Every structure is written in structure tokens, then in C-alpha cells.
Amino acid sequence: ALTALEREQEAFVVAQEMVQAYPDSGDAWLAYAESAGRSGDTFAADRAWARIATATPEGSDRWLDATLRRVALLSRTAGAQAAHCDLLARAGLYRERMNAALGKQLAELERENRCDG
């Protein structure tokens, strides 16, 4: 609700409280990751997406979504090329089982990022 009202900082504070109160809740971490990104806290958003990816089976839709969101964040972060190139390569292993939206996102990130050396 706070996000819909464009009250991003308040939404981020509520999401922080949610992950503190419910550290094993995937929904709490998803709200935290999204609100951290919208509020401009790239570090917190990356850590949250990493936690989500770690807590889900590699190659699953949730893992792919979290991983590609991390790549999008890291590709805007100076000095993070090795990390985002590794994540792109891992996500690319699951290209054949991706839904259309994830496949499109992967293709766009591959075009935007030069990870060939």
C-alpha cells in the first residue's frame, strides 16, 4: 500500500521490520528486495535478492527472477562486472526452461553486458 502511494522510504522501513520479525519468510524478503531497490539502496536490494536466490532451488523461476534482478542491479554498480557476468552465465544454463518474460530479460541483460573477457 505504501508503495502504491509512492512512499518508498516508509515501505522500506516496514519491509525491514518484516524481515526482522519473519526472517524465514520469502514474501518478507521479496518485499524487502523490491522496496530497497525502489528506495535506492542498491546494496540492501542485492543482498536481499541474493538471499532469495540462495533459499530457492537453482534454475527455478524464483531463482532465475532473483538472479536476473541481481544482474540488473550489479550491472549499474562500478567494479561488479565479474559478479554479474558469473550470474548471467549461471542463469544462461537454464535458458531452455525459462518462461518468455525471463528469457526476454536474460537476452536484454546479455546485450547490455559485455561478459566475454
C-alpha atoms as a PDB file:
ATOM      1  CA  ALA A   1       0.000   0.000   0.000  1.00  0.00           C
ATOM      2  CA  LEU A   2       2.811   2.427   0.831  1.00  0.00           C
ATOM      3  CA  THR A   3       4.489   1.671  -2.469  1.00  0.00           C
ATOM      4  CA  ALA A   4       1.272   2.408  -4.343  1.00  0.00           C
ATOM      5  CA  LEU A   5       1.224   5.788  -2.605  1.00  0.00           C
ATOM      6  CA  GLU A   6       4.874   6.322  -3.667  1.00  0.00           C
ATOM      7  CA  ARG A   7       6.026   6.381  -0.053  1.00  0.00           C
ATOM      8  CA  GLU A   8       9.127   4.329  -0.838  1.00  0.00           C
ATOM      9  CA  GLN A   9      11.174   5.085   2.301  1.00  0.00           C
ATOM     10  CA  GLU A  10       8.279   4.163   4.579  1.00  0.00           C
ATOM     11  CA  ALA A  11       7.714   0.974   2.592  1.00  0.00           C
ATOM     12  CA  PHE A  12      11.396   0.111   3.007  1.00  0.00           C
ATOM     13  CA  VAL A  13      11.216   0.622   6.789  1.00  0.00           C
ATOM     14  CA  VAL A  14       8.150  -1.643   7.009  1.00  0.00           C
ATOM     15  CA  ALA A  15       9.896  -4.270   4.859  1.00  0.00           C
ATOM     16  CA  GLN A  16      12.962  -4.113   7.135  1.00  0.00           C
ATOM     17  CA  GLU A  17      10.699  -4.743  10.117  1.00  0.00           C
ATOM     18  CA  MET A  18       9.080  -7.651   8.281  1.00  0.00           C
ATOM     19  CA  VAL A  19      12.384  -9.453   7.614  1.00  0.00           C
ATOM     20  CA  GLN A  20      13.465  -8.879  11.214  1.00  0.00           C
ATOM     21  CA  ALA A  21      10.198 -10.286  12.548  1.00  0.00           C
ATOM     22  CA  TYR A  22       9.919 -13.092   9.956  1.00  0.00           C
ATOM     23  CA  PRO A  23      13.457 -13.895   8.750  1.00  0.00           C
ATOM     24  CA  ASP A  24      12.352 -17.128   7.055  1.00  0.00           C
ATOM     25  CA  SER A  25       9.512 -15.536   5.093  1.00  0.00           C
ATOM     26  CA  GLY A  26      10.076 -15.459   1.362  1.00  0.00           C
ATOM     27  CA  ASP A  27       7.334 -12.856   0.992  1.00  0.00           C
ATOM     28  CA  ALA A  28       9.053 -10.590   3.545  1.00  0.00           C
ATOM     29  CA  TRP A  29      12.366 -10.859   1.677  1.00  0.00           C
ATOM     30  CA  LEU A  30      10.647 -10.186  -1.647  1.00  0.00           C
ATOM     31  CA  ALA A  31       9.021  -7.033  -0.239  1.00  0.00           C
ATOM     32  CA  TYR A  32      12.388  -6.012   1.244  1.00  0.00           C
ATOM     33  CA  ALA A  33      14.290  -6.552  -2.016  1.00  0.00           C
ATOM     34  CA  GLU A  34      11.757  -4.635  -4.075  1.00  0.00           C
ATOM     35  CA  SER A  35      11.432  -1.744  -1.624  1.00  0.00           C
ATOM     36  CA  ALA A  36      15.214  -1.493  -1.176  1.00  0.00           C
ATOM     37  CA  GLY A  37      15.619  -1.193  -4.930  1.00  0.00           C
ATOM     38  CA  ARG A  38      12.891   1.430  -5.236  1.00  0.00           C
ATOM     39  CA  SER A  39      14.320   3.445  -2.348  1.00  0.00           C
ATOM     40  CA  GLY A  40      17.778   3.437  -3.967  1.00  0.00           C
ATOM     41  CA  ASP A  41      19.582   1.140  -1.532  1.00  0.00           C
ATOM     42  CA  THR A  42      21.359  -0.994  -4.124  1.00  0.00           C
ATOM     43  CA  PHE A  43      23.453  -2.838  -1.554  1.00  0.00           C
ATOM     44  CA  ALA A  44      20.413  -3.913   0.505  1.00  0.00           C
ATOM     45  CA  ALA A  45      18.497  -4.860  -2.640  1.00  0.00           C
ATOM     46  CA  ASP A  46      21.379  -7.001  -3.906  1.00  0.00           C
ATOM     47  CA  ARG A  47      21.766  -8.747  -0.555  1.00  0.00           C
ATOM     48  CA  ALA A  48      18.029  -9.458  -0.430  1.00  0.00           C
ATOM     49  CA  TRP A  49      17.913 -10.848  -3.984  1.00  0.00           C
ATOM     50  CA  ALA A  50      20.974 -12.969  -3.140  1.00  0.00           C
ATOM     51  CA  ARG A  51      19.226 -14.341  -0.060  1.00  0.00           C
ATOM     52  CA  ILE A  52      16.112 -15.161  -2.082  1.00  0.00           C
ATOM     53  CA  ALA A  53      18.205 -16.916  -4.738  1.00  0.00           C
ATOM     54  CA  THR A  54      20.122 -18.877  -2.116  1.00  0.00           C
ATOM     55  CA  ALA A  55      16.911 -20.025  -0.449  1.00  0.00           C
ATOM     56  CA  THR A  56      15.322 -21.397  -3.625  1.00  0.00           C
ATOM     57  CA  PRO A  57      16.326 -24.238  -5.948  1.00  0.00           C
ATOM     58  CA  GLU A  58      18.776 -23.108  -8.624  1.00  0.00           C
ATOM     59  CA  GLY A  59      17.086 -22.910 -12.001  1.00  0.00           C
ATOM     60  CA  SER A  60      13.581 -22.394 -10.592  1.00  0.00           C
ATOM     61  CA  ASP A  61      11.559 -19.415 -11.810  1.00  0.00           C
ATOM     62  CA  ARG A  62      12.025 -17.657  -8.445  1.00  0.00           C
ATOM     63  CA  TRP A  63      15.796 -18.261  -8.563  1.00  0.00           C
ATOM     64  CA  LEU A  64      16.007 -17.013 -12.146  1.00  0.00           C
ATOM     65  CA  ASP A  65      13.963 -13.895 -11.334  1.00  0.00           C
ATOM     66  CA  ALA A  66      16.099 -13.085  -8.279  1.00  0.00           C
ATOM     67  CA  THR A  67      19.343 -13.775 -10.161  1.00  0.00           C
ATOM     68  CA  LEU A  68      18.404 -11.604 -13.137  1.00  0.00           C
ATOM     69  CA  ARG A  69      17.319  -8.806 -10.809  1.00  0.00           C
ATOM     70  CA  ARG A  70      20.738  -9.028  -9.147  1.00  0.00           C
ATOM     71  CA  VAL A  71      22.423  -8.822 -12.548  1.00  0.00           C
ATOM     72  CA  ALA A  72      20.392  -5.716 -13.378  1.00  0.00           C
ATOM     73  CA  LEU A  73      21.499  -4.109 -10.108  1.00  0.00           C
ATOM     74  CA  LEU A  74      25.134  -5.174 -10.371  1.00  0.00           C
ATOM     75  CA  SER A  75      25.434  -4.052 -13.977  1.00  0.00           C
ATOM     76  CA  ARG A  76      24.885  -0.494 -12.689  1.00  0.00           C
ATOM     77  CA  THR A  77      27.491  -0.909  -9.926  1.00  0.00           C
ATOM     78  CA  ALA A  78      31.099   0.025 -10.591  1.00  0.00           C
ATOM     79  CA  GLY A  79      33.528  -2.858 -10.107  1.00  0.00           C
ATOM     80  CA  ALA A  80      30.886  -5.583 -10.075  1.00  0.00           C
ATOM     81  CA  GLN A  81      31.372  -6.943 -13.589  1.00  0.00           C
ATOM     82  CA  ALA A  82      32.878 -10.252 -12.514  1.00  0.00           C
ATOM     83  CA  ALA A  83      29.915 -10.913 -10.217  1.00  0.00           C
ATOM     84  CA  HIS A  84      27.224 -10.047 -12.720  1.00  0.00           C
ATOM     85  CA  CYS A  85      28.944 -11.944 -15.548  1.00  0.00           C
ATOM     86  CA  ASP A  86      29.106 -15.060 -13.354  1.00  0.00           C
ATOM     87  CA  LEU A  87      25.410 -14.724 -12.515  1.00  0.00           C
ATOM     88  CA  LEU A  88      24.482 -14.241 -16.191  1.00  0.00           C
ATOM     89  CA  ALA A  89      26.430 -17.359 -17.140  1.00  0.00           C
ATOM     90  CA  ARG A  90      24.695 -19.407 -14.427  1.00  0.00           C
ATOM     91  CA  ALA A  91      21.250 -18.133 -15.430  1.00  0.00           C
ATOM     92  CA  GLY A  92      22.036 -18.870 -19.073  1.00  0.00           C
ATOM     93  CA  LEU A  93      22.339 -22.556 -18.223  1.00  0.00           C
ATOM     94  CA  TYR A  94      18.551 -22.604 -17.751  1.00  0.00           C
ATOM     95  CA  ARG A  95      17.632 -20.708 -20.922  1.00  0.00           C
ATOM     96  CA  GLU A  96      15.662 -23.612 -22.392  1.00  0.00           C
ATOM     97  CA  ARG A  97      13.267 -23.836 -19.443  1.00  0.00           C
ATOM     98  CA  MET A  98      12.683 -20.094 -18.954  1.00  0.00           C
ATOM     99  CA  ASN A  99       9.286 -18.558 -19.468  1.00  0.00           C
ATOM    100  CA  ALA A 100       9.067 -15.858 -22.149  1.00  0.00           C
ATOM    101  CA  ALA A 101       9.454 -12.935 -19.731  1.00  0.00           C
ATOM    102  CA  LEU A 102      12.590 -14.352 -18.103  1.00  0.00           C
ATOM    103  CA  GLY A 103      14.036 -15.303 -21.496  1.00  0.00           C
ATOM    104  CA  LYS A 104      13.500 -11.753 -22.740  1.00  0.00           C
ATOM    105  CA  GLN A 105      15.076 -10.304 -19.590  1.00  0.00           C
ATOM    106  CA  LEU A 106      18.103 -12.596 -19.948  1.00  0.00           C
ATOM    107  CA  ALA A 107      18.538 -11.630 -23.611  1.00  0.00           C
ATOM    108  CA  GLU A 108      18.366  -7.920 -22.754  1.00  0.00           C
ATOM    109  CA  LEU A 109      20.909  -8.265 -19.952  1.00  0.00           C
ATOM    110  CA  GLU A 110      23.236 -10.260 -22.219  1.00  0.00           C
ATOM    111  CA  ARG A 111      23.032  -7.491 -24.838  1.00  0.00           C
ATOM    112  CA  GLU A 112      23.669  -4.758 -22.276  1.00  0.00           C
ATOM    113  CA  ASN A 113      26.582  -6.512 -20.568  1.00  0.00           C
ATOM    114  CA  ARG A 114      29.837  -7.497 -22.204  1.00  0.00           C
ATOM    115  CA  CYS A 115      30.983 -10.573 -20.350  1.00  0.00           C
ATOM    116  CA  ASP A 116      33.259 -12.162 -22.929  1.00  0.00           C
ATOM    117  CA  GLY A 117      36.530 -11.264 -21.347  1.00  0.00           C
END
